[in-house]
Amino acid sequence: MFLAIKEMLHEKLRYSLIVVLIFLVSYLLIILTGLATGLANLNKAAINEWNASSIVLNSDSEGRLQQSFLSQDEVASLPNNGTRISQYSTLVKSENGLKENAQLVALDSKSFIFKNLKITSGSKNIRNNAGVVSDKFKSDGFKIGDYLLVANSSLRIKITGFTPRATLSALPVVYISPDTIQSLNKGVTNAVVFKNTLNNSKIPKGTDQLSIDSFINKLPGYSAQQLTFNFMIGFLYIIILIVISIFLYILTVQKLPNLGVLKAQGVSTQYLVLSTLFQSFIMSVIGVIIAIILAEITAITLPSEVPIVIDKSNIIVTGIGIIVMSLLGALIPIRQIAKVDPYKIIGG
């Protein structure tokens, strides 16, 4: 597309301004997408690591783990291949004064969830008041062998190992044994997690089976948070569409006399239309590439407390979305090109 490139090089300032606008909106879009992904992972990372398909909770809990309490009869009625989960939210601190809000999650050491846990350092041991804790404790200064003192309790949990991607409802998880949590919640089972989906006939009365995806969507604040980010992201796509449309429309109106001359010289409408689309494509690609580079640098330089995740899939989807919206934005000025009458332009 010689004509398109030649025009862009001739009108560097005008087209550079459009590229800058596309870059700024694209950068904001990538950062928001990264934040949405990062916050979502903070809420559900531990659940994803369970590699489970379904979870059974009390019918009155509205899908919330903290509000679910299963009786011994209900648990006994379920198949024995599930993992019993007991959960307790609390503040823990070390003997040297480090503090952390945490989710204590009790499960059997022979359960499939515990077997699936990966260890980055230390050992996988939860016996005798020991615990495997989230890597976040390590980044906050806790070490293997430290004792976690549970608030409003005499319980002391010894850190034996660190596990990655272990956060639940934005809090780091401490995996312990059912015996350890006994003094905190009197041995209550909050839920039973299964690798597969159970037949409805195996679900006891007074309990509900949820898919893991449904359970995640019912985590406190998760759906509202994701809807808010999705709304902002969608609005930014519309902004890109409007920006491209307005700027290309203005540029097209300003060069109508030139387009009329080109048509009079035999240049086809199709060629002029493709030139405009090519310009829109080039500007969006340049803006997206610069935005991706700066977003990656931003993600690296931001402190670890900022939950931003910029992965390849998000970048590809976002980049393609921006380019598509830019091409759609070029459709309005294309109509002006198609309606140009060379005789009227030259005669006028």
Protein backbone atom coordinates (compact mmCIF):
# COMPACT_ATOMS: atom_id res chain seq x y z
CA MET A 1 0.00 0.00 0.00
CA PHE A 2 2.40 2.63 -1.30
CA LEU A 3 -0.16 5.44 -1.27
CA ALA A 4 -1.16 4.83 2.37
CA ILE A 5 2.42 4.76 3.64
CA LYS A 6 3.42 7.79 1.53
CA GLU A 7 0.55 9.83 2.95
CA MET A 8 1.34 8.82 6.55
CA LEU A 9 4.99 9.83 6.11
CA HIS A 10 3.92 13.16 4.60
CA GLU A 11 1.43 13.89 7.43
CA LYS A 12 3.59 12.61 10.28
CA LEU A 13 2.14 14.84 13.01
CA ARG A 14 -1.52 14.08 12.29
CA TYR A 15 -1.09 10.33 12.10
CA SER A 16 1.31 10.33 15.07
CA LEU A 17 -1.40 11.93 17.21
CA ILE A 18 -3.79 9.13 16.30
CA VAL A 19 -1.12 6.53 17.13
CA VAL A 20 -0.53 8.22 20.50
CA LEU A 21 -4.25 8.13 21.33
CA ILE A 22 -4.49 4.46 20.33
CA PHE A 23 -1.39 3.74 22.43
CA LEU A 24 -2.78 5.49 25.53
CA VAL A 25 -6.15 3.74 25.37
CA SER A 26 -4.48 0.40 24.55
CA TYR A 27 -2.07 0.79 27.47
CA LEU A 28 -4.92 1.51 29.87
CA LEU A 29 -6.86 -1.42 28.43
CA ILE A 30 -3.97 -3.87 28.89
CA ILE A 31 -3.32 -2.64 32.45
CA LEU A 32 -7.01 -2.98 33.38
CA THR A 33 -7.15 -6.46 31.86
CA GLY A 34 -4.03 -7.40 33.81
CA LEU A 35 -5.51 -6.06 37.05
CA ALA A 36 -8.79 -7.91 36.43
CA THR A 37 -6.89 -11.15 35.86
CA GLY A 38 -4.63 -10.58 38.86
CA LEU A 39 -7.51 -9.84 41.24
CA ALA A 40 -9.45 -12.84 39.91
CA ASN A 41 -6.43 -15.06 40.57
CA LEU A 42 -6.11 -13.69 44.10
CA ASN A 43 -9.66 -14.82 44.78
CA LYS A 44 -9.55 -18.25 43.17
CA ALA A 45 -5.89 -19.37 42.81
CA ALA A 46 -6.10 -21.94 45.61
CA ILE A 47 -9.36 -23.38 44.23
CA ASN A 48 -7.79 -23.79 40.79
CA GLU A 49 -4.91 -25.72 42.35
CA TRP A 50 -7.37 -28.21 43.84
CA ASN A 51 -8.07 -29.62 40.34
CA ALA A 52 -11.64 -30.38 41.38
CA SER A 53 -14.92 -30.47 39.42
CA SER A 54 -17.59 -29.99 42.08
CA ILE A 55 -18.19 -28.99 45.68
CA VAL A 56 -21.03 -29.88 48.05
CA LEU A 57 -22.20 -27.25 50.56
CA ASN A 58 -25.14 -26.64 52.85
CA SER A 59 -28.27 -25.54 50.95
CA ASP A 60 -28.67 -22.42 53.11
CA SER A 61 -25.12 -21.19 52.53
CA GLU A 62 -25.88 -19.55 49.15
CA GLY A 63 -22.69 -21.09 47.80
CA ARG A 64 -20.46 -19.41 50.41
CA LEU A 65 -17.85 -21.64 52.07
CA GLN A 66 -17.79 -19.59 55.29
CA GLN A 67 -21.58 -19.92 55.69
CA SER A 68 -21.74 -23.63 54.99
CA PHE A 69 -21.87 -26.16 57.83
CA LEU A 70 -22.38 -29.84 57.02
CA SER A 71 -23.59 -32.26 59.69
CA GLN A 72 -21.80 -35.55 60.30
CA ASP A 73 -24.75 -37.43 58.78
CA GLU A 74 -24.62 -35.30 55.61
CA VAL A 75 -20.89 -35.89 55.24
CA ALA A 76 -21.30 -39.62 55.88
CA SER A 77 -24.01 -39.80 53.18
CA LEU A 78 -21.62 -38.51 50.53
CA PRO A 79 -19.19 -40.75 48.59
CA ASN A 80 -15.93 -41.27 50.48
CA ASN A 81 -13.69 -40.18 47.58
CA GLY A 82 -14.24 -36.49 48.33
CA THR A 83 -12.04 -34.11 50.32
CA ARG A 84 -13.56 -32.66 53.48
CA ILE A 85 -12.79 -28.97 53.85
CA SER A 86 -12.86 -26.94 57.06
CA GLN A 87 -12.17 -23.23 56.71
CA TYR A 88 -11.39 -20.55 59.27
CA SER A 89 -10.49 -16.89 58.57
CA THR A 90 -8.19 -15.30 61.09
CA LEU A 91 -5.13 -13.15 61.77
CA VAL A 92 -1.83 -14.96 62.29
CA LYS A 93 1.47 -13.52 63.46
CA SER A 94 4.98 -14.75 63.96
CA GLU A 95 6.97 -14.64 67.18
CA ASN A 96 9.01 -11.73 65.80
CA GLY A 97 5.94 -9.60 65.11
CA LEU A 98 5.08 -10.29 61.44
CA LYS A 99 1.32 -10.31 60.84
CA GLU A 100 -0.88 -11.68 58.07
CA ASN A 101 -4.61 -12.16 57.52
CA ALA A 102 -5.06 -15.75 56.39
CA GLN A 103 -7.47 -18.50 55.46
CA LEU A 104 -6.88 -21.67 57.47
CA VAL A 105 -7.97 -24.65 55.37
CA ALA A 106 -8.02 -28.06 57.03
CA LEU A 107 -7.97 -31.25 54.96
CA ASP A 108 -6.79 -34.82 55.23
CA SER A 109 -3.20 -35.52 54.20
CA LYS A 110 -4.44 -38.49 52.13
CA SER A 111 -6.94 -36.38 50.16
CA PHE A 112 -6.52 -35.73 46.43
CA ILE A 113 -6.30 -31.96 47.04
CA PHE A 114 -3.35 -32.35 49.41
CA LYS A 115 -1.63 -34.75 47.02
CA ASN A 116 -2.03 -32.16 44.21
CA LEU A 117 -0.34 -29.40 46.22
CA LYS A 118 3.03 -28.32 44.84
CA ILE A 119 5.85 -27.36 47.18
CA THR A 120 8.35 -24.61 46.28
CA SER A 121 10.45 -25.15 49.41
CA GLY A 122 10.31 -27.20 52.60
CA SER A 123 8.23 -30.34 53.01
CA LYS A 124 4.60 -31.30 52.63
CA ASN A 125 3.76 -31.99 56.26
CA ILE A 126 0.63 -30.96 58.18
CA ARG A 127 0.87 -33.37 61.12
CA ASN A 128 1.25 -32.26 64.74
CA ASN A 129 0.14 -28.65 64.31
CA ALA A 130 2.28 -28.15 61.21
CA GLY A 131 1.13 -26.27 58.12
CA VAL A 132 1.94 -25.76 54.45
CA VAL A 133 1.47 -22.08 53.69
CA SER A 134 1.12 -19.79 50.69
CA ASP A 135 4.24 -18.36 49.06
CA LYS A 136 2.95 -14.93 50.06
CA PHE A 137 4.10 -15.64 53.62
CA LYS A 138 7.62 -16.20 52.29
CA SER A 139 7.61 -12.89 50.39
CA ASP A 140 6.39 -11.15 53.57
CA GLY A 141 9.33 -12.42 55.62
CA PHE A 142 8.10 -15.68 57.14
CA LYS A 143 10.51 -18.65 57.09
CA ILE A 144 10.32 -22.42 57.36
CA GLY A 145 10.33 -23.32 61.04
CA ASP A 146 8.52 -20.13 62.09
CA TYR A 147 5.42 -20.52 64.23
CA LEU A 148 2.16 -18.85 63.28
CA LEU A 149 0.29 -17.65 66.36
CA VAL A 150 -3.44 -17.68 65.70
CA ALA A 151 -5.27 -14.62 67.05
CA ASN A 152 -7.61 -15.15 70.02
CA SER A 153 -6.28 -18.67 70.41
CA SER A 154 -3.38 -20.59 71.95
CA LEU A 155 -2.86 -22.48 68.67
CA ARG A 156 0.65 -22.40 67.20
CA ILE A 157 1.18 -23.65 63.64
CA LYS A 158 4.70 -24.53 62.50
CA ILE A 159 5.53 -23.63 58.89
CA THR A 160 6.93 -26.73 57.17
CA GLY A 161 6.61 -25.75 53.52
CA PHE A 162 5.54 -23.12 51.02
CA THR A 163 3.09 -23.72 48.17
CA PRO A 164 2.54 -21.48 45.10
CA ARG A 165 -0.74 -19.91 43.94
CA ALA A 166 -2.47 -20.44 47.28
CA THR A 167 -4.85 -17.56 47.84
CA LEU A 168 -8.57 -17.69 48.58
CA SER A 169 -10.79 -14.60 48.61
CA ALA A 170 -7.60 -12.49 48.28
CA LEU A 171 -6.07 -13.99 51.44
CA PRO A 172 -3.13 -16.42 51.63
CA VAL A 173 -4.01 -19.99 52.58
CA VAL A 174 -2.55 -22.07 55.41
CA TYR A 175 -3.16 -25.80 54.88
CA ILE A 176 -3.44 -27.71 58.16
CA SER A 177 -4.89 -31.00 59.40
CA PRO A 178 -8.45 -31.48 60.73
CA ASP A 179 -6.96 -32.18 64.20
CA THR A 180 -5.18 -28.81 64.19
CA ILE A 181 -8.32 -26.80 63.36
CA GLN A 182 -10.41 -28.71 65.94
CA SER A 183 -9.78 -26.15 68.68
CA LEU A 184 -10.92 -23.28 66.44
CA ASN A 185 -14.15 -24.56 64.86
CA LYS A 186 -14.91 -27.69 66.87
CA GLY A 187 -14.26 -29.91 63.86
CA VAL A 188 -17.05 -28.51 61.65
CA THR A 189 -16.90 -29.55 57.97
CA ASN A 190 -17.75 -26.65 55.69
CA ALA A 191 -17.76 -28.51 52.38
CA VAL A 192 -16.76 -31.66 50.55
CA VAL A 193 -14.85 -31.31 47.27
CA PHE A 194 -14.90 -33.94 44.51
CA LYS A 195 -12.76 -34.61 41.46
CA ASN A 196 -15.84 -35.48 39.45
CA THR A 197 -19.47 -34.36 39.33
CA LEU A 198 -21.76 -36.51 41.46
CA ASN A 199 -25.08 -37.92 40.36
CA ASN A 200 -27.92 -35.94 41.95
CA SER A 201 -29.17 -39.11 43.65
CA LYS A 202 -25.98 -39.11 45.76
CA ILE A 203 -26.52 -35.60 47.08
CA PRO A 204 -28.15 -35.75 50.54
CA LYS A 205 -31.13 -33.59 51.40
CA GLY A 206 -30.18 -30.18 52.76
CA THR A 207 -27.06 -29.88 50.59
CA ASP A 208 -26.31 -28.50 47.13
CA GLN A 209 -23.71 -29.50 44.58
CA LEU A 210 -22.03 -26.69 42.67
CA SER A 211 -19.54 -26.82 39.85
CA ILE A 212 -16.21 -25.25 40.73
CA ASP A 213 -16.88 -22.40 38.30
CA SER A 214 -20.24 -21.66 39.97
CA PHE A 215 -18.61 -21.81 43.37
CA ILE A 216 -15.92 -19.31 42.28
CA ASN A 217 -18.58 -16.92 40.94
CA LYS A 218 -20.26 -16.98 44.36
CA LEU A 219 -17.09 -15.97 46.21
CA PRO A 220 -17.74 -12.70 48.11
CA GLY A 221 -17.29 -9.74 45.75
CA TYR A 222 -15.85 -11.82 42.89
CA SER A 223 -18.67 -11.40 40.35
CA ALA A 224 -19.18 -7.70 41.11
CA GLN A 225 -15.46 -7.08 40.76
CA GLN A 226 -15.23 -8.85 37.40
CA LEU A 227 -18.38 -7.14 36.07
CA THR A 228 -16.93 -3.74 36.98
CA PHE A 229 -13.68 -4.43 35.15
CA ASN A 230 -15.49 -5.91 32.14
CA PHE A 231 -17.64 -2.79 31.90
CA MET A 232 -14.60 -0.50 31.94
CA ILE A 233 -12.77 -2.67 29.39
CA GLY A 234 -15.80 -2.73 27.08
CA PHE A 235 -16.13 1.05 27.36
CA LEU A 236 -12.49 1.50 26.36
CA TYR A 237 -13.07 -0.56 23.21
CA ILE A 238 -15.91 1.83 22.32
CA ILE A 239 -13.58 4.80 22.94
CA ILE A 240 -11.05 3.35 20.48
CA LEU A 241 -13.81 2.93 17.89
CA ILE A 242 -14.97 6.53 18.34
CA VAL A 243 -11.42 7.99 18.32
CA ILE A 244 -10.46 6.22 15.10
CA SER A 245 -13.76 7.14 13.44
CA ILE A 246 -13.53 10.85 14.29
CA PHE A 247 -9.89 11.33 13.34
CA LEU A 248 -10.05 9.39 10.10
CA TYR A 249 -13.30 11.15 9.19
CA ILE A 250 -11.69 14.57 9.68
CA LEU A 251 -8.61 13.55 7.71
CA THR A 252 -10.79 12.14 4.92
CA VAL A 253 -12.90 15.32 4.66
CA GLN A 254 -9.73 17.44 4.51
CA LYS A 255 -8.30 15.44 1.62
CA LEU A 256 -11.51 15.07 -0.44
CA PRO A 257 -10.11 17.30 -3.22
CA ASN A 258 -7.05 15.06 -3.46
CA LEU A 259 -9.22 11.95 -3.55
CA GLY A 260 -11.29 13.52 -6.32
CA VAL A 261 -8.14 14.13 -8.38
CA LEU A 262 -6.95 10.56 -7.80
CA LYS A 263 -10.30 9.18 -8.93
CA ALA A 264 -10.21 11.40 -12.02
CA GLN A 265 -6.80 9.94 -12.81
CA GLY A 266 -8.24 6.44 -12.72
CA VAL A 267 -7.46 5.32 -9.19
CA SER A 268 -10.27 2.98 -8.14
CA THR A 269 -12.49 3.49 -5.10
CA GLN A 270 -11.50 0.02 -3.90
CA TYR A 271 -7.83 1.00 -3.84
CA LEU A 272 -8.56 4.17 -1.85
CA VAL A 273 -10.73 2.23 0.59
CA LEU A 274 -8.04 -0.41 1.11
CA SER A 275 -5.49 2.38 1.66
CA THR A 276 -7.63 3.83 4.45
CA LEU A 277 -8.09 0.40 6.06
CA PHE A 278 -4.36 -0.22 5.79
CA GLN A 279 -3.62 3.10 7.51
CA SER A 280 -6.01 2.20 10.33
CA PHE A 281 -4.41 -1.23 10.64
CA ILE A 282 -0.84 0.15 10.73
CA MET A 283 -1.69 2.82 13.31
CA SER A 284 -3.46 0.34 15.61
CA VAL A 285 -0.62 -2.22 15.34
CA ILE A 286 2.01 0.41 16.20
CA GLY A 287 -0.08 1.73 19.11
CA VAL A 288 -0.70 -1.79 20.46
CA ILE A 289 2.95 -2.84 20.22
CA ILE A 290 4.13 0.25 22.14
CA ALA A 291 1.35 -0.28 24.72
CA ILE A 292 2.34 -3.94 25.24
CA ILE A 293 6.01 -3.05 25.75
CA LEU A 294 5.20 -0.30 28.26
CA ALA A 295 2.61 -2.49 30.05
CA GLU A 296 5.19 -5.28 30.47
CA ILE A 297 7.69 -2.78 31.90
CA THR A 298 4.98 -1.42 34.22
CA ALA A 299 4.08 -4.93 35.47
CA ILE A 300 7.74 -5.64 36.26
CA THR A 301 8.35 -2.36 38.08
CA LEU A 302 5.15 -2.33 40.14
CA PRO A 303 5.46 -3.65 43.71
CA SER A 304 4.35 -7.23 44.37
CA GLU A 305 1.37 -5.94 46.38
CA VAL A 306 -0.26 -4.84 43.09
CA PRO A 307 -2.03 -7.95 41.70
CA ILE A 308 -1.38 -7.48 37.99
CA VAL A 309 -1.00 -10.42 35.60
CA ILE A 310 -0.19 -9.72 31.96
CA ASP A 311 -0.11 -13.07 30.16
CA LYS A 312 0.16 -13.95 26.48
CA SER A 313 -3.50 -14.94 26.04
CA ASN A 314 -4.73 -11.61 27.43
CA ILE A 315 -2.29 -9.67 25.26
CA ILE A 316 -3.35 -11.55 22.11
CA VAL A 317 -7.08 -11.13 22.80
CA THR A 318 -6.70 -7.45 23.73
CA GLY A 319 -4.45 -6.69 20.76
CA ILE A 320 -6.78 -8.35 18.26
CA GLY A 321 -9.77 -6.57 19.84
CA ILE A 322 -8.12 -3.17 19.51
CA ILE A 323 -7.13 -3.79 15.87
CA VAL A 324 -10.64 -4.99 15.00
CA MET A 325 -12.22 -1.93 16.63
CA SER A 326 -9.77 0.30 14.73
CA LEU A 327 -10.77 -1.29 11.42
CA LEU A 328 -14.45 -0.87 12.30
CA GLY A 329 -13.75 2.77 13.10
CA ALA A 330 -12.46 3.23 9.55
CA LEU A 331 -15.84 2.26 8.05
CA ILE A 332 -17.38 5.74 8.51
CA PRO A 333 -14.68 7.66 6.55
CA ILE A 334 -14.78 4.89 3.93
CA ARG A 335 -18.35 5.92 3.11
CA GLN A 336 -17.10 9.44 2.34
CA ILE A 337 -14.46 8.03 0.01
CA ALA A 338 -17.03 5.94 -1.83
CA LYS A 339 -19.28 8.99 -2.36
CA VAL A 340 -16.56 11.26 -3.78
CA ASP A 341 -17.52 12.52 -7.24
CA PRO A 342 -14.34 13.62 -9.10
CA TYR A 343 -16.28 15.86 -11.51
CA LYS A 344 -17.93 17.82 -8.70
CA ILE A 345 -14.70 18.10 -6.75
CA ILE A 346 -12.65 19.35 -9.70
CA GLY A 347 -15.46 21.49 -11.08
CA GLY A 348 -16.13 23.06 -7.69
